[in-house]
Amino acid sequence: MRRIIGLALFLVLALQASAFAQGVKVGIVNLKMVIEKSDPGLDIQKNLQSKFDKMKGDIERQKTEIERLRDEVQKQSVAMTPEAKQDKELSFKRKVRDYQDTVMAYQRKMKAEEEQATAPVFELLSTVVKEYAKKNGFTVLVDVAGPLNNVIYYDEAADVTNDVMTELNKAWKKK
């Protein structure tokens, strides 16, 4: 296993050395930060937050109702008949199950709405990044926030995140 890792590291370094000898220009960009802090990203967050606040209110109301019902069952359980106690417990369990179903449904809905809202921004961002890289002579731009982030070190001078964010904001305003 060490041999394979060593060989892979050697190949990467050898390819990197030959690539730099040929004038390869590599840039670093944090696309997550671009999405979160750019004008379109902030617009999306604001719009989604207003939708999610309503859902959050519904969930909080159901949670309060469950807590009230639980307290009621606990206080009245001594004075209730076994049948009435069983009915209250079943009602409580049903409310808890409904609450859990609502939470899961809202989570799915929030995820779907977030994906739908961000899709146009990602498409525009992809175009902006490609145009930026071509215009500025980059051979490669690496996303340091991506799921496959294997960047161990980079010089801060290679970070073009703010430049990409500026270009995205310009493109968003034109759109």
Protein backbone atom coordinates (compact mmCIF):
# COMPACT_ATOMS: atom_id res chain seq x y z
CA MET A 1 0.00 0.00 0.00
CA ARG A 2 2.83 2.39 0.84
CA ARG A 3 4.45 1.62 -2.50
CA ILE A 4 1.27 2.56 -4.34
CA ILE A 5 0.90 5.81 -2.42
CA GLY A 6 4.56 6.59 -2.93
CA LEU A 7 4.31 5.87 -6.65
CA ALA A 8 1.18 8.00 -6.96
CA LEU A 9 2.85 10.87 -5.11
CA PHE A 10 5.93 10.58 -7.32
CA LEU A 11 3.80 10.64 -10.48
CA VAL A 12 1.84 13.68 -9.29
CA LEU A 13 5.02 15.56 -8.46
CA ALA A 14 6.68 14.56 -11.71
CA LEU A 15 3.65 15.58 -13.76
CA GLN A 16 3.35 18.79 -11.79
CA ALA A 17 6.99 19.67 -12.41
CA SER A 18 6.69 19.06 -16.13
CA ALA A 19 3.41 20.95 -16.26
CA PHE A 20 4.92 24.01 -14.58
CA ALA A 21 7.86 23.84 -16.92
CA GLN A 22 5.36 24.19 -19.76
CA GLY A 23 3.75 27.28 -18.20
CA VAL A 24 0.69 25.85 -16.51
CA LYS A 25 -1.20 28.39 -14.43
CA VAL A 26 -3.16 26.95 -11.50
CA GLY A 27 -5.69 28.90 -9.48
CA ILE A 28 -7.56 28.16 -6.30
CA VAL A 29 -11.22 29.05 -5.77
CA ASN A 30 -13.59 28.40 -2.87
CA LEU A 31 -16.90 27.90 -4.67
CA LYS A 32 -18.79 27.36 -1.42
CA MET A 33 -17.75 30.81 -0.24
CA VAL A 34 -18.65 32.30 -3.64
CA ILE A 35 -22.15 30.84 -3.41
CA GLU A 36 -22.65 31.89 0.22
CA LYS A 37 -21.33 35.46 -0.05
CA SER A 38 -22.15 36.52 -3.60
CA ASP A 39 -25.19 38.62 -4.51
CA PRO A 40 -27.12 35.69 -6.02
CA GLY A 41 -26.26 33.48 -3.06
CA LEU A 42 -27.44 36.09 -0.58
CA ASP A 43 -30.66 36.60 -2.58
CA ILE A 44 -31.36 32.87 -2.52
CA GLN A 45 -30.66 32.61 1.21
CA LYS A 46 -33.05 35.50 1.92
CA ASN A 47 -35.84 34.00 -0.22
CA LEU A 48 -35.44 30.52 1.20
CA GLN A 49 -35.28 31.81 4.77
CA SER A 50 -38.72 33.41 4.47
CA LYS A 51 -40.16 30.12 3.19
CA PHE A 52 -38.40 28.09 5.84
CA ASP A 53 -39.58 30.39 8.65
CA LYS A 54 -43.21 29.39 7.96
CA MET A 55 -42.28 25.71 8.05
CA LYS A 56 -40.31 26.24 11.24
CA GLY A 57 -43.35 27.91 12.82
CA ASP A 58 -45.56 24.94 11.92
CA ILE A 59 -43.04 22.53 13.43
CA GLU A 60 -42.75 24.59 16.62
CA ARG A 61 -46.57 24.67 17.01
CA GLN A 62 -46.75 20.89 16.66
CA LYS A 63 -43.91 20.44 19.13
CA THR A 64 -45.67 22.67 21.66
CA GLU A 65 -48.88 20.67 21.21
CA ILE A 66 -47.00 17.40 21.79
CA GLU A 67 -45.39 18.76 24.96
CA ARG A 68 -48.78 19.97 26.21
CA LEU A 69 -50.36 16.60 25.49
CA ARG A 70 -47.49 14.75 27.20
CA ASP A 71 -47.86 16.90 30.32
CA GLU A 72 -51.62 16.35 30.28
CA VAL A 73 -51.20 12.57 30.07
CA GLN A 74 -48.68 12.58 32.92
CA LYS A 75 -50.84 14.75 35.20
CA GLN A 76 -54.10 12.95 34.53
CA SER A 77 -52.78 9.39 34.32
CA VAL A 78 -53.43 8.66 38.01
CA ALA A 79 -57.10 9.69 37.80
CA MET A 80 -57.85 8.05 34.43
CA THR A 81 -59.31 4.68 33.76
CA PRO A 82 -56.96 2.28 31.97
CA GLU A 83 -58.99 2.67 28.75
CA ALA A 84 -58.89 6.47 28.88
CA LYS A 85 -55.17 6.37 29.68
CA GLN A 86 -54.57 4.06 26.73
CA ASP A 87 -56.59 6.38 24.44
CA LYS A 88 -54.57 9.42 25.55
CA GLU A 89 -51.30 7.54 25.06
CA LEU A 90 -52.37 6.44 21.57
CA SER A 91 -53.33 10.02 20.76
CA PHE A 92 -49.97 11.20 22.04
CA LYS A 93 -48.09 8.59 19.97
CA ARG A 94 -50.10 9.56 16.88
CA LYS A 95 -49.21 13.23 17.39
CA VAL A 96 -45.52 12.33 17.77
CA ARG A 97 -45.63 10.25 14.59
CA ASP A 98 -47.40 13.08 12.73
CA TYR A 99 -44.78 15.52 14.02
CA GLN A 100 -41.94 13.28 12.82
CA ASP A 101 -43.60 12.87 9.42
CA THR A 102 -44.03 16.63 9.13
CA VAL A 103 -40.39 17.28 10.02
CA MET A 104 -39.18 14.78 7.42
CA ALA A 105 -41.56 16.17 4.77
CA TYR A 106 -40.37 19.72 5.46
CA GLN A 107 -36.74 18.63 5.28
CA ARG A 108 -37.35 17.02 1.89
CA LYS A 109 -39.26 20.08 0.70
CA MET A 110 -36.53 22.46 1.91
CA LYS A 111 -33.84 20.42 0.17
CA ALA A 112 -35.83 20.33 -3.08
CA GLU A 113 -36.51 24.08 -2.96
CA GLU A 114 -32.87 24.81 -2.21
CA GLU A 115 -31.74 22.68 -5.16
CA GLN A 116 -34.29 24.34 -7.43
CA ALA A 117 -33.30 27.84 -6.31
CA THR A 118 -29.55 27.25 -6.61
CA ALA A 119 -29.57 25.44 -9.97
CA PRO A 120 -29.59 28.63 -12.09
CA VAL A 121 -26.82 30.13 -9.95
CA PHE A 122 -24.66 27.03 -10.36
CA GLU A 123 -25.18 27.13 -14.11
CA LEU A 124 -24.21 30.80 -14.23
CA LEU A 125 -21.28 30.19 -11.88
CA SER A 126 -19.99 27.40 -14.11
CA THR A 127 -20.06 29.74 -17.11
CA VAL A 128 -18.44 32.58 -15.14
CA VAL A 129 -15.64 30.33 -13.84
CA LYS A 130 -14.87 29.02 -17.32
CA GLU A 131 -14.84 32.50 -18.84
CA TYR A 132 -12.73 33.84 -15.96
CA ALA A 133 -10.21 31.02 -16.32
CA LYS A 134 -9.90 31.52 -20.08
CA LYS A 135 -9.69 35.31 -19.82
CA ASN A 136 -6.97 35.14 -17.15
CA GLY A 137 -4.94 32.32 -18.70
CA PHE A 138 -5.56 29.62 -16.10
CA THR A 139 -4.95 26.04 -17.11
CA VAL A 140 -6.64 24.68 -13.98
CA LEU A 141 -8.86 26.12 -11.26
CA VAL A 142 -9.22 23.92 -8.17
CA ASP A 143 -12.21 24.17 -5.82
CA VAL A 144 -10.79 23.95 -2.29
CA ALA A 145 -14.25 23.56 -0.74
CA GLY A 146 -15.45 20.72 -2.96
CA PRO A 147 -16.18 17.19 -1.76
CA LEU A 148 -12.96 15.90 -3.33
CA ASN A 149 -10.73 18.55 -1.82
CA ASN A 150 -7.29 17.05 -1.84
CA VAL A 151 -5.41 20.32 -1.80
CA ILE A 152 -2.88 20.16 1.00
CA TYR A 153 -1.24 23.53 0.46
CA TYR A 154 -1.62 26.50 -1.82
CA ASP A 155 -0.14 29.95 -1.98
CA GLU A 156 -2.70 32.62 -1.09
CA ALA A 157 -1.69 34.46 -4.26
CA ALA A 158 -3.26 31.63 -6.28
CA ASP A 159 -6.66 32.11 -4.58
CA VAL A 160 -9.03 33.78 -7.05
CA THR A 161 -12.21 33.32 -5.01
CA ASN A 162 -12.93 37.04 -4.65
CA ASP A 163 -12.32 37.64 -8.36
CA VAL A 164 -14.74 34.86 -9.29
CA MET A 165 -17.30 36.23 -6.85
CA THR A 166 -16.99 39.69 -8.43
CA GLU A 167 -17.50 38.21 -11.91
CA LEU A 168 -20.52 36.21 -10.70
CA ASN A 169 -22.06 39.33 -9.17
CA LYS A 170 -21.59 41.21 -12.47
CA ALA A 171 -23.13 38.36 -14.46
CA TRP A 172 -26.04 38.10 -11.98
CA LYS A 173 -26.79 41.81 -12.30
CA LYS A 174 -26.77 41.56 -16.11
CA LYS A 175 -29.17 38.63 -15.92
